[in-house]
């Protein structure tokens, strides 16, 4: 989007909202109908992935008319997905959509304003940099980055731009998570003493694409462009399509699942990253050629960077071999628990009168209540991905218009990426990993972690 056109859209939106919405009581939908073609936000797609198809598209389709957005182009370096994306979107949107062989072609489109980015994990940072340098706002899927070099580069590029970047950490648009954040920050919960993060499935086919892998031919894609800044290796359709199983194209469990949950720790506490991490795990059951663990435990130390004697522990456990325990996020204080699976606050484990009396202390037991009662909000956003994702996409679309910062700005992605990289470094080196604030480097064994040494 050009500066003049972007300023026009912002000013016209503000003027219309003030003049018409304020004085005539028009709804947002009615206001959307007033906006003309010159005020329409034109969106492209970078990577026609399952995530885009299953989550971005339904959310966008529920919102685009009200907010006066349009989808005009799909960029994918694989011919099959590029053609599928064009056909799928044309059926949904009801008009022609341009298919682009790569992002260079995409960003040559006049008046392209914004993009959805849902490519391979290791590509998110580079594709976000490309987009903001082309003057486009982005909805960039997580994890933001898998190396600190990429992480620093994307933070710098976004901060130097005028673009709106929403990281796909959709918990930040969940009503229950907002209620939890408000409750913890109010002080009523007490200091956090422990956080349990769990993500267990029993899915041997998770991240596998056995029927799709034989369909990918090197002649139908751009392998060199796919690799970007990763080590140059011979064409491998499994690494292309099943990238979540292979390092350095993904860290697997930390980058896919932990980054969602650890982000809430940063949000609720204001702490940017762990002080240290230790990890253990392995490929214990699914011997299918993967390089990323099917079972992992990472233990984090969090707290003020200038006061190592205070803080709390976070434990992330994940496995793809047994689903008992499911997905959980439980926060503990000395007075009880806050469970983001049930959205309940309970006195379970709190300091009882018996043991407080022994130490001449007052008991501390949280009241039995729910986040809904505490904050008077709906807490159904944690029952599935769609409500939160739609709320997150809406927030992004509204911020593209208002130019306000979204719920999950670039800093949120930068910080969750630090935790992901630290966990991955701890797992691969076997070292207790720390973070150097001055150099912004992940440190393992007293020196910067060199990610490609562990390929």
Protein backbone atom coordinates (compact mmCIF):
# COMPACT_ATOMS: atom_id res chain seq x y z
CA UNK A 1 0.00 0.00 0.00
CA UNK A 2 1.42 3.41 -0.89
CA UNK A 3 1.79 5.97 1.87
CA UNK A 4 -0.75 8.30 0.25
CA UNK A 5 -3.32 5.55 -0.18
CA UNK A 6 -2.77 4.21 3.34
CA UNK A 7 -3.19 7.70 4.83
CA UNK A 8 -6.32 8.18 2.75
CA UNK A 9 -7.82 4.94 4.05
CA UNK A 10 -7.02 5.78 7.66
CA UNK A 11 -8.32 9.34 7.44
CA UNK A 12 -11.47 8.37 5.56
CA UNK A 13 -12.18 5.60 8.05
CA UNK A 14 -11.77 8.00 10.98
CA UNK A 15 -13.87 10.68 9.30
CA UNK A 16 -16.60 8.25 8.33
CA UNK A 17 -16.63 6.66 11.76
CA UNK A 18 -16.87 10.05 13.46
CA UNK A 19 -19.36 11.62 11.07
CA UNK A 20 -21.63 8.73 10.24
CA UNK A 21 -21.27 6.20 13.02
CA UNK A 22 -21.29 8.85 15.70
CA UNK A 23 -24.16 11.03 14.47
CA UNK A 24 -26.34 8.60 12.54
CA UNK A 25 -25.86 5.42 14.57
CA UNK A 26 -24.83 3.29 11.61
CA UNK A 27 -23.62 -0.23 12.34
CA UNK A 28 -20.16 -1.41 11.36
CA UNK A 29 -21.74 -3.48 8.58
CA UNK A 30 -23.57 -0.45 7.22
CA UNK A 31 -20.38 1.56 7.36
CA UNK A 32 -18.62 -1.21 5.46
CA UNK A 33 -21.18 -0.91 2.70
CA UNK A 34 -20.50 2.82 2.40
CA UNK A 35 -16.81 2.34 1.73
CA UNK A 36 -15.88 2.46 -1.93
CA UNK A 37 -13.43 0.46 -3.99
CA UNK A 38 -10.64 2.95 -3.28
CA UNK A 39 -10.96 2.19 0.41
CA UNK A 40 -10.94 -1.60 0.06
CA UNK A 41 -8.01 -3.46 1.63
CA UNK A 42 -6.53 -5.88 -0.91
CA UNK A 43 -5.00 -9.03 0.53
CA UNK A 44 -2.68 -11.70 -0.84
CA UNK A 45 -1.71 -15.16 0.38
CA UNK A 46 1.87 -16.33 0.95
CA UNK A 47 1.67 -20.11 1.10
CA UNK A 48 -1.59 -21.96 0.40
CA UNK A 49 -1.21 -24.27 3.40
CA UNK A 50 -3.58 -26.40 5.47
CA UNK A 51 -3.44 -23.76 8.21
CA UNK A 52 -4.48 -21.07 5.77
CA UNK A 53 -7.26 -23.18 4.32
CA UNK A 54 -8.65 -24.42 7.63
CA UNK A 55 -8.30 -21.30 9.78
CA UNK A 56 -7.55 -18.10 7.88
CA UNK A 57 -10.06 -18.55 5.09
CA UNK A 58 -13.16 -19.25 7.25
CA UNK A 59 -12.27 -16.30 9.48
CA UNK A 60 -11.68 -13.97 6.54
CA UNK A 61 -14.88 -15.01 4.79
CA UNK A 62 -16.91 -14.20 7.90
CA UNK A 63 -15.42 -10.72 8.13
CA UNK A 64 -14.33 -9.38 4.75
CA UNK A 65 -17.60 -7.77 3.65
CA UNK A 66 -18.17 -6.04 6.96
CA UNK A 67 -14.63 -4.65 7.04
CA UNK A 68 -14.37 -4.04 3.28
CA UNK A 69 -11.45 -6.36 2.49
CA UNK A 70 -10.82 -8.41 -0.63
CA UNK A 71 -8.57 -11.33 -1.57
CA UNK A 72 -6.78 -10.81 -4.87
CA UNK A 73 -3.75 -13.13 -5.16
CA UNK A 74 -2.14 -16.38 -4.03
CA UNK A 75 1.63 -16.97 -4.03
CA UNK A 76 2.96 -20.51 -3.72
CA UNK A 77 6.13 -21.92 -5.27
CA UNK A 78 4.57 -25.37 -5.76
CA UNK A 79 2.47 -25.46 -8.91
CA UNK A 80 -0.11 -27.84 -7.43
CA UNK A 81 -0.85 -25.71 -4.39
CA UNK A 82 -0.70 -22.49 -6.38
CA UNK A 83 -3.40 -23.76 -8.75
CA UNK A 84 -5.45 -25.21 -5.91
CA UNK A 85 -5.23 -21.94 -4.03
CA UNK A 86 -6.36 -19.90 -7.01
CA UNK A 87 -9.33 -22.20 -7.69
CA UNK A 88 -10.31 -22.45 -4.02
CA UNK A 89 -10.24 -18.73 -3.43
CA UNK A 90 -12.06 -17.90 -6.67
CA UNK A 91 -14.89 -20.19 -5.63
CA UNK A 92 -15.02 -18.58 -2.20
CA UNK A 93 -14.61 -14.93 -3.16
CA UNK A 94 -16.55 -14.98 -6.44
CA UNK A 95 -14.03 -13.28 -8.72
CA UNK A 96 -10.68 -13.88 -10.40
CA UNK A 97 -7.63 -14.35 -8.16
CA UNK A 98 -4.08 -14.02 -9.48
CA UNK A 99 -1.76 -17.00 -9.05
CA UNK A 100 1.87 -15.93 -8.43
CA UNK A 101 4.82 -18.26 -8.92
CA UNK A 102 6.71 -16.57 -6.08
CA UNK A 103 6.62 -13.58 -3.77
CA UNK A 104 8.53 -11.36 -6.19
CA UNK A 105 5.60 -11.62 -8.57
CA UNK A 106 3.12 -11.13 -5.72
CA UNK A 107 4.66 -7.86 -4.58
CA UNK A 108 4.64 -6.44 -8.09
CA UNK A 109 0.84 -6.30 -7.90
CA UNK A 110 -0.34 -2.71 -7.71
CA UNK A 111 -2.11 -1.70 -4.50
CA UNK A 112 -1.52 -4.97 -2.65
CA UNK A 113 -2.04 -3.94 0.95
CA UNK A 114 -1.62 -6.97 3.20
CA UNK A 115 -0.80 -10.69 3.22
CA UNK A 116 -1.46 -13.86 5.17
CA UNK A 117 1.82 -15.74 5.72
CA UNK A 118 1.48 -19.46 6.46
CA UNK A 119 4.55 -21.11 5.02
CA UNK A 120 7.09 -23.48 6.62
CA UNK A 121 8.15 -22.58 10.16
CA UNK A 122 11.66 -21.48 9.24
CA UNK A 123 10.35 -19.23 6.45
CA UNK A 124 8.04 -17.00 8.51
CA UNK A 125 10.71 -14.46 9.43
CA UNK A 126 12.04 -14.06 5.88
CA UNK A 127 8.57 -13.85 4.37
CA UNK A 128 7.55 -11.23 6.93
CA UNK A 129 10.66 -9.18 6.09
CA UNK A 130 9.83 -9.40 2.38
CA UNK A 131 6.28 -8.26 3.03
CA UNK A 132 7.01 -5.22 5.19
CA UNK A 133 9.76 -4.09 2.83
CA UNK A 134 7.17 -4.26 0.04
CA UNK A 135 4.88 -2.03 2.12
CA UNK A 136 2.43 -4.77 3.14
CA UNK A 137 0.88 -5.48 6.51
CA UNK A 138 1.05 -9.13 7.57
CA UNK A 139 -0.73 -11.81 9.52
CA UNK A 140 2.33 -13.99 10.15
CA UNK A 141 1.89 -17.49 11.51
CA UNK A 142 3.95 -18.73 14.43
CA UNK A 143 6.64 -19.51 15.28
CA UNK A 144 8.07 -16.22 14.14
CA UNK A 145 11.64 -17.53 13.92
CA UNK A 146 13.74 -20.62 14.67
CA UNK A 147 17.19 -18.94 14.85
CA UNK A 148 18.21 -15.73 16.60
CA UNK A 149 19.70 -14.40 13.37
CA UNK A 150 16.28 -14.60 11.70
CA UNK A 151 14.57 -13.35 14.85
CA UNK A 152 16.71 -10.22 15.12
CA UNK A 153 16.40 -9.53 11.40
CA UNK A 154 12.61 -9.67 11.33
CA UNK A 155 12.25 -7.55 14.47
CA UNK A 156 14.52 -4.90 12.95
CA UNK A 157 12.70 -4.89 9.61
CA UNK A 158 9.26 -4.55 11.17
CA UNK A 159 10.33 -1.87 13.64
CA UNK A 160 11.87 0.16 10.81
CA UNK A 161 8.66 -0.08 8.77
CA UNK A 162 5.22 1.42 9.20
CA UNK A 163 3.50 -1.93 8.80
CA UNK A 164 0.99 -3.70 11.02
CA UNK A 165 2.19 -7.22 11.87
CA UNK A 166 -0.04 -9.63 13.75
CA UNK A 167 1.68 -12.82 14.95
CA UNK A 168 -0.57 -15.89 14.80
CA UNK A 169 -0.62 -16.31 18.59
CA UNK A 170 -4.40 -16.35 18.70
CA UNK A 171 -4.62 -16.89 22.46
CA UNK A 172 -4.01 -13.14 22.69
CA UNK A 173 -7.48 -12.63 21.20
CA UNK A 174 -9.21 -15.21 23.41
CA UNK A 175 -11.66 -13.71 25.91
CA UNK A 176 -10.67 -16.19 28.61
CA UNK A 177 -6.98 -15.35 28.20
CA UNK A 178 -7.73 -11.64 28.51
CA UNK A 179 -9.67 -12.41 31.69
CA UNK A 180 -6.76 -14.47 33.04
CA UNK A 181 -4.30 -11.69 32.23
CA UNK A 182 -6.44 -9.12 34.03
CA UNK A 183 -6.91 -11.39 37.05
CA UNK A 184 -3.21 -12.21 37.46
CA UNK A 185 -2.15 -8.61 36.98
CA UNK A 186 -4.73 -7.43 39.53
CA UNK A 187 -2.69 -9.12 42.26
CA UNK A 188 -5.61 -11.22 43.52
CA UNK A 189 -4.00 -14.43 42.28
CA UNK A 190 -0.77 -13.78 44.13
CA UNK A 191 2.71 -14.29 42.70
CA UNK A 192 3.00 -17.14 40.22
CA UNK A 193 5.04 -20.00 41.68
CA UNK A 194 4.71 -22.58 38.90
CA UNK A 195 3.16 -23.06 35.44
CA UNK A 196 2.36 -26.46 33.95
CA UNK A 197 2.06 -26.52 30.14
CA UNK A 198 1.00 -29.81 28.55
CA UNK A 199 0.33 -30.79 24.93
CA UNK A 200 -0.17 -34.52 24.38
CA UNK A 201 -1.57 -36.35 21.35
CA UNK A 202 -1.46 -39.92 20.07
CA UNK A 203 -1.23 -39.30 16.35
CA UNK A 204 1.40 -41.21 14.33
CA UNK A 205 0.27 -39.25 11.26
CA UNK A 206 0.68 -35.83 12.85
CA UNK A 207 2.69 -33.63 10.46
CA UNK A 208 2.99 -36.54 8.01
CA UNK A 209 1.82 -36.22 4.38
CA UNK A 210 2.28 -39.77 2.98
CA UNK A 211 -0.27 -39.38 0.18
CA UNK A 212 1.03 -35.96 -0.85
CA UNK A 213 4.80 -36.58 -0.79
CA UNK A 214 4.81 -38.71 -4.01
CA UNK A 215 3.00 -35.90 -5.85
CA UNK A 216 5.76 -33.35 -5.33
CA UNK A 217 8.32 -33.16 -8.16
CA UNK A 218 11.31 -30.86 -8.08
CA UNK A 219 10.40 -29.55 -11.55
CA UNK A 220 7.10 -28.22 -10.18
CA UNK A 221 8.58 -26.09 -7.43
CA UNK A 222 11.59 -23.94 -6.54
CA UNK A 223 13.72 -25.93 -4.10
CA UNK A 224 16.40 -23.25 -3.76
CA UNK A 225 13.81 -20.61 -2.93
CA UNK A 226 12.23 -23.02 -0.44
CA UNK A 227 15.52 -23.45 1.46
CA UNK A 228 16.10 -19.68 1.74
CA UNK A 229 19.00 -19.39 4.24
CA UNK A 230 19.11 -23.03 5.33
CA UNK A 231 22.02 -25.32 4.33
CA UNK A 232 21.86 -26.32 0.68
CA UNK A 233 20.86 -30.00 0.45
CA UNK A 234 19.48 -32.18 -2.35
CA UNK A 235 15.76 -31.99 -3.09
CA UNK A 236 13.69 -33.90 -0.51
CA UNK A 237 9.89 -33.87 -0.78
CA UNK A 238 9.52 -35.01 2.83
CA UNK A 239 11.46 -32.02 4.15
CA UNK A 240 9.35 -29.80 1.93
CA UNK A 241 5.94 -31.20 2.95
CA UNK A 242 6.69 -32.69 6.36
CA UNK A 243 9.03 -29.93 7.49
CA UNK A 244 7.77 -30.03 11.10
CA UNK A 245 9.52 -33.39 11.51
CA UNK A 246 12.93 -32.14 10.36
CA UNK A 247 15.48 -29.75 11.83
CA UNK A 248 16.51 -27.06 10.74
CA UNK A 249 13.17 -26.50 8.99
CA UNK A 250 11.27 -26.69 12.27
CA UNK A 251 12.02 -27.33 15.93
CA UNK A 252 8.89 -29.49 16.06
CA UNK A 253 7.17 -29.55 19.45
CA UNK A 254 8.60 -26.24 20.76
CA UNK A 255 7.91 -24.30 17.58
CA UNK A 256 4.49 -25.76 16.89
CA UNK A 257 2.89 -26.03 20.31
CA UNK A 258 5.05 -24.63 23.07
CA UNK A 259 5.21 -21.21 21.42
CA UNK A 260 1.44 -20.78 21.91
CA UNK A 261 1.52 -21.63 25.58
CA UNK A 262 4.78 -19.95 26.57
CA UNK A 263 3.50 -16.74 24.98
CA UNK A 264 0.81 -16.52 27.67
CA UNK A 265 3.53 -16.62 30.35
CA UNK A 266 5.22 -13.61 28.74
CA UNK A 267 1.90 -11.80 28.35
CA UNK A 268 0.58 -12.39 31.86
CA UNK A 269 3.85 -11.52 33.60
CA UNK A 270 5.49 -8.95 31.33
CA UNK A 271 8.66 -11.05 31.32
CA UNK A 272 10.23 -11.16 27.84
CA UNK A 273 11.88 -14.58 27.95
CA UNK A 274 13.22 -17.32 30.25
CA UNK A 275 16.37 -16.84 32.27
CA UNK A 276 17.40 -20.43 31.59
CA UNK A 277 16.14 -23.69 30.06
CA UNK A 278 17.01 -27.37 30.39
CA UNK A 279 15.40 -30.01 28.17
CA UNK A 280 15.27 -33.74 27.58
CA UNK A 281 13.46 -35.93 25.08
CA UNK A 282 13.83 -38.06 22.02
CA UNK A 283 12.27 -40.08 19.23
CA UNK A 284 10.98 -42.92 21.35
CA UNK A 285 8.24 -44.49 19.23
CA UNK A 286 7.68 -43.08 15.74
CA UNK A 287 10.75 -44.34 13.88
CA UNK A 288 9.75 -42.86 10.53
CA UNK A 289 12.92 -40.96 9.67
CA UNK A 290 12.01 -37.83 11.58
CA UNK A 291 14.69 -35.70 13.24
CA UNK A 292 12.52 -33.86 15.77
CA UNK A 293 11.48 -35.40 19.08
CA UNK A 294 8.17 -37.20 19.49
CA UNK A 295 8.49 -36.63 23.27
CA UNK A 296 9.97 -33.58 24.99
CA UNK A 297 10.14 -31.96 28.42
CA UNK A 298 11.57 -28.48 28.87
CA UNK A 299 11.97 -26.79 32.24
CA UNK A 300 12.25 -22.99 32.31
CA UNK A 301 13.34 -20.55 34.98
CA UNK A 302 11.49 -17.23 34.78
CA UNK A 303 11.82 -14.08 36.82
CA UNK A 304 13.33 -10.58 36.93
CA UNK A 305 16.62 -10.55 35.08
CA UNK A 306 18.23 -8.46 37.82
CA UNK A 307 16.99 -10.61 40.70
CA UNK A 308 17.81 -14.30 40.28
CA UNK A 309 16.52 -15.10 43.78
CA UNK A 310 12.87 -14.47 42.83
CA UNK A 311 10.79 -16.02 40.07
CA UNK A 312 9.02 -19.23 39.21
CA UNK A 313 9.34 -22.38 37.15
CA UNK A 314 7.54 -23.32 33.93
CA UNK A 315 7.42 -26.91 32.74
CA UNK A 316 6.39 -27.80 29.19
CA UNK A 317 5.74 -31.46 28.45
CA UNK A 318 4.60 -32.80 25.09
CA UNK A 319 4.33 -36.17 23.43
CA UNK A 320 2.86 -37.54 20.23
CA UNK A 321 2.72 -41.11 21.55
CA UNK A 322 -0.03 -41.05 24.20
CA UNK A 323 -2.78 -38.46 24.55
CA UNK A 324 -3.50 -38.82 28.27
CA UNK A 325 -3.40 -35.37 29.83
CA UNK A 326 -4.46 -33.72 26.56
CA UNK A 327 -3.71 -29.98 26.31
CA UNK A 328 -3.47 -28.02 29.55
CA UNK A 329 -2.29 -24.67 30.89
CA UNK A 330 -2.37 -24.44 34.67
CA UNK A 331 -1.02 -21.51 36.67
CA UNK A 332 -0.20 -21.98 40.35
CA UNK A 333 0.10 -19.44 43.14
CA UNK A 334 0.52 -20.02 46.87
CA UNK A 335 -3.26 -19.64 47.11
CA UNK A 336 -4.46 -22.09 44.46
CA UNK A 337 -4.73 -22.59 40.70
CA UNK A 338 -5.93 -20.92 37.54
CA UNK A 339 -6.79 -23.56 34.94
CA UNK A 340 -7.11 -22.34 31.34
CA UNK A 341 -8.53 -25.68 30.25
CA UNK A 342 -11.56 -25.43 32.54
CA UNK A 343 -11.38 -21.62 32.95
CA UNK A 344 -11.72 -22.19 36.72
CA UNK A 345 -9.98 -20.56 39.65
CA UNK A 346 -9.73 -22.87 42.67
CA UNK A 347 -8.06 -22.97 46.10
CA UNK A 348 -6.52 -26.37 45.25
CA UNK A 349 -3.07 -26.63 46.81
CA UNK A 350 -3.35 -23.27 48.54
CA UNK A 351 -1.90 -22.45 51.94
CA UNK A 352 -4.32 -23.84 54.51
CA UNK A 353 -4.89 -22.51 58.02
CA UNK A 354 -3.21 -25.56 59.59
CA UNK A 355 0.13 -25.05 57.87
CA UNK A 356 -0.03 -21.26 57.93
CA UNK A 357 -0.57 -21.29 61.68
CA UNK A 358 2.56 -23.39 62.21
CA UNK A 359 4.62 -20.55 60.75
CA UNK A 360 2.57 -17.71 62.24
CA UNK A 361 1.24 -16.82 58.80
CA UNK A 362 -2.19 -16.12 57.41
CA UNK A 363 -3.83 -18.79 55.22
CA UNK A 364 -4.16 -18.00 51.53
CA UNK A 365 -6.94 -19.79 49.65
CA UNK A 366 -8.34 -18.43 46.41
CA UNK A 367 -12.13 -18.31 46.09
CA UNK A 368 -13.74 -21.01 43.94
CA UNK A 369 -14.86 -19.12 40.85
CA UNK A 370 -14.53 -18.92 37.07
CA UNK A 371 -12.90 -16.47 34.74
CA UNK A 372 -16.33 -15.61 33.41
CA UNK A 373 -17.50 -14.56 36.86
CA UNK A 374 -14.30 -12.69 37.60
CA UNK A 375 -14.27 -10.71 34.36
CA UNK A 376 -17.87 -10.99 33.17
CA UNK A 377 -16.82 -12.27 29.76
CA UNK A 378 -17.52 -15.30 27.63
CA UNK A 379 -14.86 -17.96 28.12
CA UNK A 380 -15.72 -20.27 25.23
CA UNK A 381 -12.77 -19.11 23.14
CA UNK A 382 -10.66 -22.02 24.38
CA UNK A 383 -13.05 -24.72 23.17
CA UNK A 384 -11.54 -24.85 19.69
CA UNK A 385 -9.30 -22.96 17.34
CA UNK A 386 -11.93 -21.21 15.24
CA UNK A 387 -13.46 -18.63 17.65
CA UNK A 388 -10.06 -17.41 18.80
CA UNK A 389 -8.60 -17.39 15.31
CA UNK A 390 -11.54 -15.41 13.97
CA UNK A 391 -11.21 -12.92 16.81
CA UNK A 392 -7.49 -12.68 16.06
CA UNK A 393 -8.03 -12.15 12.33
CA UNK A 394 -10.68 -9.53 13.12
CA UNK A 395 -8.26 -7.71 15.40
CA UNK A 396 -5.64 -7.72 12.63
CA UNK A 397 -8.07 -6.46 10.00
CA UNK A 398 -9.29 -3.68 12.27
CA UNK A 399 -5.70 -2.65 13.05
CA UNK A 400 -4.81 -2.59 9.35
CA UNK A 401 -7.48 0.10 9.09
CA UNK A 402 -6.87 1.99 12.34
CA UNK A 403 -3.05 1.59 12.32
CA UNK A 404 -3.19 0.67 16.01
CA UNK A 405 -0.97 -2.12 17.34
CA UNK A 406 -2.63 -5.56 17.23
CA UNK A 407 -3.03 -8.00 20.11
CA UNK A 408 0.09 -9.97 19.13
CA UNK A 409 2.61 -7.43 17.75
CA UNK A 410 6.09 -8.24 16.49
CA UNK A 411 7.55 -8.09 20.02
CA UNK A 412 5.28 -10.96 21.11
CA UNK A 413 6.65 -13.08 18.29
CA UNK A 414 10.23 -12.07 19.00
CA UNK A 415 9.89 -13.12 22.63
CA UNK A 416 8.16 -16.45 22.02
CA UNK A 417 10.84 -17.21 19.43
CA UNK A 418 13.56 -16.69 22.05
CA UNK A 419 11.90 -19.30 24.28
CA UNK A 420 11.50 -21.70 21.34
CA UNK A 421 15.13 -21.31 20.30
CA UNK A 422 16.33 -21.75 23.88
CA UNK A 423 14.29 -24.95 24.29
CA UNK A 424 15.54 -26.33 20.98
CA UNK A 425 19.13 -25.44 21.89
CA UNK A 426 18.80 -27.15 25.28
CA UNK A 427 17.41 -30.29 23.69
CA UNK A 428 20.05 -30.50 20.95
CA UNK A 429 23.11 -29.59 23.03
CA UNK A 430 22.17 -31.19 26.34
CA UNK A 431 23.29 -27.97 28.02
CA UNK A 432 21.52 -25.63 30.39
CA UNK A 433 20.79 -22.72 28.06
CA UNK A 434 20.69 -19.01 28.96
CA UNK A 435 20.14 -15.74 27.09
CA UNK A 436 22.60 -12.90 26.70
CA UNK A 437 20.68 -9.61 26.91
CA UNK A 438 23.52 -7.54 25.49
CA UNK A 439 24.13 -9.60 22.35
CA UNK A 440 20.60 -11.03 22.08
CA UNK A 441 22.09 -14.48 21.67
CA UNK A 442 21.04 -17.87 23.03
CA UNK A 443 23.97 -19.24 24.99
CA UNK A 444 24.79 -22.96 25.36
CA UNK A 445 27.95 -24.09 27.11
CA UNK A 446 28.99 -20.47 27.58
CA UNK A 447 28.96 -19.64 23.85
CA UNK A 448 26.34 -18.67 21.26
CA UNK A 449 24.21 -21.57 20.06
CA UNK A 450 25.14 -22.47 16.46
CA UNK A 451 21.91 -24.03 15.18
CA UNK A 452 23.22 -25.51 11.94
CA UNK A 453 25.94 -27.42 13.77
CA UNK A 454 23.19 -29.81 14.87
CA UNK A 455 21.72 -30.73 11.48
